[in-house]
PDB file of N, CA and C in Angstrom:
ATOM      1  N   MET A   1       3.814  -7.580   1.520  1.00  0.00           N
ATOM      2  CA  MET A   1       3.965  -6.006   2.406  1.00  0.00           C
ATOM      3  C   MET A   1       2.257  -5.808   2.468  1.00  0.00           C
ATOM      4  N   VAL A   2       2.069  -5.156   3.385  1.00  0.00           N
ATOM      5  CA  VAL A   2       0.790  -4.737   3.927  1.00  0.00           C
ATOM      6  C   VAL A   2       0.854  -3.209   4.063  1.00  0.00           C
ATOM      7  N   THR A   3      -0.162  -2.421   3.353  1.00  0.00           N
ATOM      8  CA  THR A   3      -0.365  -0.901   3.421  1.00  0.00           C
ATOM      9  C   THR A   3      -1.721  -0.763   3.865  1.00  0.00           C
ATOM     10  N   LEU A   4      -1.772   0.433   4.545  1.00  0.00           N
ATOM     11  CA  LEU A   4      -3.279   1.213   5.040  1.00  0.00           C
ATOM     12  C   LEU A   4      -3.279   2.245   4.040  1.00  0.00           C
ATOM     13  N   ASP A   5      -4.326   2.644   3.499  1.00  0.00           N
ATOM     14  CA  ASP A   5      -4.542   4.095   2.953  1.00  0.00           C
ATOM     15  C   ASP A   5      -6.029   4.675   3.401  1.00  0.00           C
ATOM     16  N   TYR A   6      -5.778   5.854   4.024  1.00  0.00           N
ATOM     17  CA  TYR A   6      -6.889   6.474   4.656  1.00  0.00           C
ATOM     18  C   TYR A   6      -6.490   8.185   4.630  1.00  0.00           C
ATOM     19  N   GLU A   7      -7.569   8.780   4.928  1.00  0.00           N
ATOM     20  CA  GLU A   7      -7.224  10.365   5.010  1.00  0.00           C
ATOM     21  C   GLU A   7      -6.563  10.660   6.126  1.00  0.00           C
ATOM     22  N   GLN A   8      -5.382  10.794   6.057  1.00  0.00           N
ATOM     23  CA  GLN A   8      -4.300  11.165   6.994  1.00  0.00           C
ATOM     24  C   GLN A   8      -4.771  12.327   7.860  1.00  0.00           C
ATOM     25  N   ALA A   9      -5.401  13.293   7.377  1.00  0.00           N
ATOM     26  CA  ALA A   9      -6.079  14.269   8.199  1.00  0.00           C
ATOM     27  C   ALA A   9      -7.075  13.919   9.211  1.00  0.00           C
ATOM     28  N   GLN A  10      -7.689  12.640   9.112  1.00  0.00           N
ATOM     29  CA  GLN A  10      -8.457  12.231  10.044  1.00  0.00           C
ATOM     30  C   GLN A  10      -7.970  11.624  11.142  1.00  0.00           C
ATOM     31  N   MET A  11      -6.676  11.181  10.950  1.00  0.00           N
ATOM     32  CA  MET A  11      -6.264  10.389  12.127  1.00  0.00           C
ATOM     33  C   MET A  11      -4.660  10.525  11.917  1.00  0.00           C
ATOM     34  N   GLU A  12      -4.077  10.802  13.298  1.00  0.00           N
ATOM     35  CA  GLU A  12      -2.554  10.746  13.282  1.00  0.00           C
ATOM     36  C   GLU A  12      -2.085   9.294  13.260  1.00  0.00           C
ATOM     37  N   GLY A  13      -0.815   8.972  12.631  1.00  0.00           N
ATOM     38  CA  GLY A  13      -0.574   7.587  12.662  1.00  0.00           C
ATOM     39  C   GLY A  13       0.399   7.615  14.017  1.00  0.00           C
ATOM     40  N   PRO A  14       0.945   6.511  14.228  1.00  0.00           N
ATOM     41  CA  PRO A  14       1.032   5.350  13.271  1.00  0.00           C
ATOM     42  C   PRO A  14      -0.437   4.369  13.344  1.00  0.00           C
ATOM     43  N   PRO A  15      -0.725   3.680  12.739  1.00  0.00           N
ATOM     44  CA  PRO A  15      -0.020   3.504  11.327  1.00  0.00           C
ATOM     45  C   PRO A  15      -0.532   4.790  10.385  1.00  0.00           C
ATOM     46  N   PHE A  16       0.569   5.001   9.278  1.00  0.00           N
ATOM     47  CA  PHE A  16       0.451   6.070   8.497  1.00  0.00           C
ATOM     48  C   PHE A  16       0.040   5.548   7.279  1.00  0.00           C
ATOM     49  N   ALA A  17      -0.678   6.576   6.658  1.00  0.00           N
ATOM     50  CA  ALA A  17      -1.356   6.199   5.206  1.00  0.00           C
ATOM     51  C   ALA A  17      -0.311   5.991   4.153  1.00  0.00           C
ATOM     52  N   VAL A  18      -0.511   5.015   3.426  1.00  0.00           N
ATOM     53  CA  VAL A  18       0.527   4.763   2.071  1.00  0.00           C
ATOM     54  C   VAL A  18      -0.539   4.241   0.887  1.00  0.00           C
ATOM     55  N   ALA A  19      -0.695   5.291  -0.109  1.00  0.00           N
ATOM     56  CA  ALA A  19      -1.462   4.940  -1.144  1.00  0.00           C
ATOM     57  C   ALA A  19      -0.725   4.030  -2.094  1.00  0.00           C
ATOM     58  N   ASP A  20      -1.675   3.514  -2.729  1.00  0.00           N
ATOM     59  CA  ASP A  20      -1.252   2.517  -3.868  1.00  0.00           C
ATOM     60  C   ASP A  20      -0.138   3.201  -4.810  1.00  0.00           C
ATOM     61  N   ARG A  21      -0.512   4.391  -5.281  1.00  0.00           N
ATOM     62  CA  ARG A  21       0.498   5.129  -6.162  1.00  0.00           C
ATOM     63  C   ARG A  21       1.765   5.494  -5.647  1.00  0.00           C
ATOM     64  N   GLU A  22       1.787   5.578  -4.517  1.00  0.00           N
ATOM     65  CA  GLU A  22       3.095   5.745  -3.661  1.00  0.00           C
ATOM     66  C   GLU A  22       3.850   4.513  -3.589  1.00  0.00           C
ATOM     67  N   VAL A  23       3.241   3.307  -3.434  1.00  0.00           N
ATOM     68  CA  VAL A  23       3.970   2.104  -3.421  1.00  0.00           C
ATOM     69  C   VAL A  23       4.612   1.599  -4.569  1.00  0.00           C
ATOM     70  N   ARG A  24       3.834   2.090  -5.799  1.00  0.00           N
ATOM     71  CA  ARG A  24       4.017   1.889  -7.136  1.00  0.00           C
ATOM     72  C   ARG A  24       5.299   2.771  -7.801  1.00  0.00           C
ATOM     73  N   ALA A  25       5.327   4.131  -7.405  1.00  0.00           N
ATOM     74  CA  ALA A  25       6.230   4.993  -7.586  1.00  0.00           C
ATOM     75  C   ALA A  25       7.486   4.784  -7.009  1.00  0.00           C
ATOM     76  N   LEU A  26       7.502   4.198  -5.715  1.00  0.00           N
ATOM     77  CA  LEU A  26       8.815   3.801  -4.910  1.00  0.00           C
ATOM     78  C   LEU A  26       9.326   2.392  -5.522  1.00  0.00           C
ATOM     79  N   LEU A  27       8.587   1.630  -5.526  1.00  0.00           N
ATOM     80  CA  LEU A  27       9.108   0.106  -5.790  1.00  0.00           C
ATOM     81  C   LEU A  27       8.941  -0.358  -7.420  1.00  0.00           C
ATOM     82  N   GLU A  28       8.144   0.026  -8.303  1.00  0.00           N
ATOM     83  CA  GLU A  28       7.897  -0.466  -9.336  1.00  0.00           C
ATOM     84  C   GLU A  28       9.014  -0.683 -10.368  1.00  0.00           C
ATOM     85  N   GLY A  29      10.098   0.135 -10.358  1.00  0.00           N
ATOM     86  CA  GLY A  29      11.247  -0.068 -11.183  1.00  0.00           C
ATOM     87  C   GLY A  29      12.162  -1.472 -10.913  1.00  0.00           C
ATOM     88  N   ASP A  30      12.159  -1.699  -9.423  1.00  0.00           N
ATOM     89  CA  ASP A  30      12.957  -2.739  -9.168  1.00  0.00           C
ATOM     90  C   ASP A  30      12.350  -4.186  -8.691  1.00  0.00           C
ATOM     91  N   TRP A  31      10.891  -4.068  -8.485  1.00  0.00           N
ATOM     92  CA  TRP A  31      10.168  -4.915  -7.906  1.00  0.00           C
ATOM     93  C   TRP A  31       8.759  -5.226  -9.064  1.00  0.00           C
ATOM     94  N   ALA A  32       8.442  -6.317  -9.113  1.00  0.00           N
ATOM     95  CA  ALA A  32       7.316  -6.686  -9.714  1.00  0.00           C
ATOM     96  C   ALA A  32       6.304  -6.682  -8.603  1.00  0.00           C
ATOM     97  N   LEU A  33       5.203  -5.908  -8.772  1.00  0.00           N
ATOM     98  CA  LEU A  33       4.110  -5.921  -7.718  1.00  0.00           C
ATOM     99  C   LEU A  33       2.808  -6.507  -8.154  1.00  0.00           C
ATOM    100  N   GLN A  34       2.384  -7.601  -7.102  1.00  0.00           N
ATOM    101  CA  GLN A  34       1.183  -8.004  -7.428  1.00  0.00           C
ATOM    102  C   GLN A  34       0.363  -7.858  -6.328  1.00  0.00           C
ATOM    103  N   MET A  35      -0.788  -7.129  -6.408  1.00  0.00           N
ATOM    104  CA  MET A  35      -1.733  -6.805  -5.301  1.00  0.00           C
ATOM    105  C   MET A  35      -2.762  -7.976  -5.033  1.00  0.00           C
ATOM    106  N   LEU A  36      -2.498  -8.762  -3.795  1.00  0.00           N
ATOM    107  CA  LEU A  36      -2.941  -9.926  -3.832  1.00  0.00           C
ATOM    108  C   LEU A  36      -4.283  -9.603  -3.044  1.00  0.00           C
ATOM    109  N   GLU A  37      -4.748  -8.628  -2.366  1.00  0.00           N
ATOM    110  CA  GLU A  37      -5.726  -8.325  -1.631  1.00  0.00           C
ATOM    111  C   GLU A  37      -6.095  -6.917  -1.442  1.00  0.00           C
ATOM    112  N   GLY A  38      -7.089  -6.342  -1.434  1.00  0.00           N
ATOM    113  CA  GLY A  38      -7.286  -5.077  -1.216  1.00  0.00           C
ATOM    114  C   GLY A  38      -8.821  -4.930  -0.560  1.00  0.00           C
ATOM    115  N   ASN A  39      -8.869  -4.803   0.791  1.00  0.00           N
ATOM    116  CA  ASN A  39     -10.247  -4.663   1.569  1.00  0.00           C
ATOM    117  C   ASN A  39     -10.525  -3.248   1.989  1.00  0.00           C
ATOM    118  N   ALA A  40     -11.792  -2.752   1.669  1.00  0.00           N
ATOM    119  CA  ALA A  40     -12.053  -1.591   2.181  1.00  0.00           C
ATOM    120  C   ALA A  40     -13.140  -1.839   3.329  1.00  0.00           C
ATOM    121  N   TRP A  41     -12.818  -1.271   4.440  1.00  0.00           N
ATOM    122  CA  TRP A  41     -13.574  -1.351   5.660  1.00  0.00           C
ATOM    123  C   TRP A  41     -13.277   0.085   6.541  1.00  0.00           C
ATOM    124  N   PHE A  42     -14.390   0.242   7.313  1.00  0.00           N
ATOM    125  CA  PHE A  42     -14.422   1.475   8.052  1.00  0.00           C
ATOM    126  C   PHE A  42     -13.996   0.931   9.625  1.00  0.00           C
ATOM    127  N   LEU A  43     -13.343   2.138  10.144  1.00  0.00           N
ATOM    128  CA  LEU A  43     -12.953   1.885  11.490  1.00  0.00           C
ATOM    129  C   LEU A  43     -14.052   2.801  12.629  1.00  0.00           C
ATOM    130  N   GLN A  44     -14.027   2.453  13.626  1.00  0.00           N
ATOM    131  CA  GLN A  44     -14.556   3.139  14.906  1.00  0.00           C
ATOM    132  C   GLN A  44     -13.897   4.370  15.168  1.00  0.00           C
ATOM    133  N   ARG A  45     -12.684   4.628  14.617  1.00  0.00           N
ATOM    134  CA  ARG A  45     -11.696   5.670  15.289  1.00  0.00           C
ATOM    135  C   ARG A  45     -12.031   6.956  14.268  1.00  0.00           C
ATOM    136  N   GLY A  46     -13.176   7.161  13.714  1.00  0.00           N
ATOM    137  CA  GLY A  46     -13.608   8.450  13.074  1.00  0.00           C
ATOM    138  C   GLY A  46     -13.013   8.403  11.696  1.00  0.00           C
ATOM    139  N   LEU A  47     -12.749   7.347  11.036  1.00  0.00           N
ATOM    140  CA  LEU A  47     -12.248   7.502   9.750  1.00  0.00           C
ATOM    141  C   LEU A  47     -13.320   7.321   8.815  1.00  0.00           C
ATOM    142  N   SER A  48     -13.447   7.953   7.431  1.00  0.00           N
ATOM    143  CA  SER A  48     -14.571   7.767   6.627  1.00  0.00           C
ATOM    144  C   SER A  48     -14.237   6.960   5.714  1.00  0.00           C
ATOM    145  N   ARG A  49     -12.861   6.311   5.489  1.00  0.00           N
ATOM    146  CA  ARG A  49     -12.497   5.430   4.643  1.00  0.00           C
ATOM    147  C   ARG A  49     -10.971   4.737   5.129  1.00  0.00           C
ATOM    148  N   LEU A  50     -10.941   3.389   4.754  1.00  0.00           N
ATOM    149  CA  LEU A  50      -9.770   2.825   5.168  1.00  0.00           C
ATOM    150  C   LEU A  50      -9.734   1.667   4.299  1.00  0.00           C
ATOM    151  N   GLU A  51      -8.403   1.460   3.505  1.00  0.00           N
ATOM    152  CA  GLU A  51      -8.184   0.409   2.556  1.00  0.00           C
ATOM    153  C   GLU A  51      -7.092  -0.172   3.006  1.00  0.00           C
ATOM    154  N   GLU A  52      -7.061  -1.489   3.051  1.00  0.00           N
ATOM    155  CA  GLU A  52      -5.997  -2.482   3.229  1.00  0.00           C
ATOM    156  C   GLU A  52      -5.573  -3.080   1.865  1.00  0.00           C
ATOM    157  N   HIS A  53      -4.186  -2.819   1.760  1.00  0.00           N
ATOM    158  CA  HIS A  53      -3.641  -3.529   0.436  1.00  0.00           C
ATOM    159  C   HIS A  53      -2.622  -4.552   0.902  1.00  0.00           C
ATOM    160  N   VAL A  54      -2.889  -5.811   0.287  1.00  0.00           N
ATOM    161  CA  VAL A  54      -1.599  -6.764   0.420  1.00  0.00           C
ATOM    162  C   VAL A  54      -1.051  -6.804  -0.899  1.00  0.00           C
ATOM    163  N   TYR A  55       0.278  -7.052  -0.813  1.00  0.00           N
ATOM    164  CA  TYR A  55       1.158  -6.990  -2.048  1.00  0.00           C
ATOM    165  C   TYR A  55       2.070  -8.182  -1.861  1.00  0.00           C
ATOM    166  N   ARG A  56       2.518  -8.878  -3.135  1.00  0.00           N
ATOM    167  CA  ARG A  56       3.335  -9.844  -3.137  1.00  0.00           C
ATOM    168  C   ARG A  56       4.523  -9.038  -3.990  1.00  0.00           C
ATOM    169  N   LEU A  57       5.699  -9.021  -3.517  1.00  0.00           N
ATOM    170  CA  LEU A  57       6.807  -8.392  -4.086  1.00  0.00           C
ATOM    171  C   LEU A  57       7.648  -9.495  -4.655  1.00  0.00           C
ATOM    172  N   SER A  58       8.275  -9.291  -5.768  1.00  0.00           N
ATOM    173  CA  SER A  58       9.339 -10.208  -6.318  1.00  0.00           C
ATOM    174  C   SER A  58      10.190  -9.144  -7.072  1.00  0.00           C
ATOM    175  N   ARG A  59      11.513  -9.505  -7.102  1.00  0.00           N
ATOM    176  CA  ARG A  59      12.574  -8.911  -7.878  1.00  0.00           C
ATOM    177  C   ARG A  59      12.067  -8.897  -9.339  1.00  0.00           C
ATOM    178  N   SER A  60      12.098  -7.675 -10.069  1.00  0.00           N
ATOM    179  CA  SER A  60      11.691  -7.724 -11.334  1.00  0.00           C
ATOM    180  C   SER A  60      12.952  -8.166 -12.059  1.00  0.00           C
ATOM    181  N   SER A  61      12.847  -8.705 -13.357  1.00  0.00           N
ATOM    182  CA  SER A  61      13.723  -8.961 -14.344  1.00  0.00           C
ATOM    183  C   SER A  61      14.900  -7.976 -14.632  1.00  0.00           C
ATOM    184  N   ALA A  62      14.354  -6.673 -14.635  1.00  0.00           N
ATOM    185  CA  ALA A  62      15.384  -5.614 -15.103  1.00  0.00           C
ATOM    186  C   ALA A  62      16.281  -5.258 -13.663  1.00  0.00           C
ATOM    187  N   ALA A  63      15.529  -5.429 -12.592  1.00  0.00           N
ATOM    188  CA  ALA A  63      16.561  -5.307 -11.395  1.00  0.00           C
ATOM    189  C   ALA A  63      17.497  -6.203 -11.195  1.00  0.00           C
ATOM    190  N   SER A  64      17.222  -7.538 -11.656  1.00  0.00           N
ATOM    191  CA  SER A  64      18.076  -8.512 -11.384  1.00  0.00           C
ATOM    192  C   SER A  64      19.119  -8.841 -12.432  1.00  0.00           C
ATOM    193  N   GLY A  65      18.974  -7.957 -13.547  1.00  0.00           N
ATOM    194  CA  GLY A  65      19.846  -8.146 -14.499  1.00  0.00           C
ATOM    195  C   GLY A  65      19.617  -9.119 -15.659  1.00  0.00           C
ATOM    196  N   GLY A  66      18.566  -9.616 -15.402  1.00  0.00           N
ATOM    197  CA  GLY A  66      18.050 -10.633 -16.505  1.00  0.00           C
ATOM    198  C   GLY A  66      16.887 -10.102 -17.433  1.00  0.00           C
TER     199      GLY A  66
END
């Protein structure tokens, strides 16, 4: 899964900003999350900050009953 996180007030989506804490709050109970990559880079669209996160998701043992 790939997400982007930036100051939403600086640019209307899409793509929309999704913070790491939101991903973890929504998925961590059923999924084992492993962040594979996190790149910080700046756009020419007026953003002061943009972070791209790449996650590997796999069913957690609690969600699969094991």
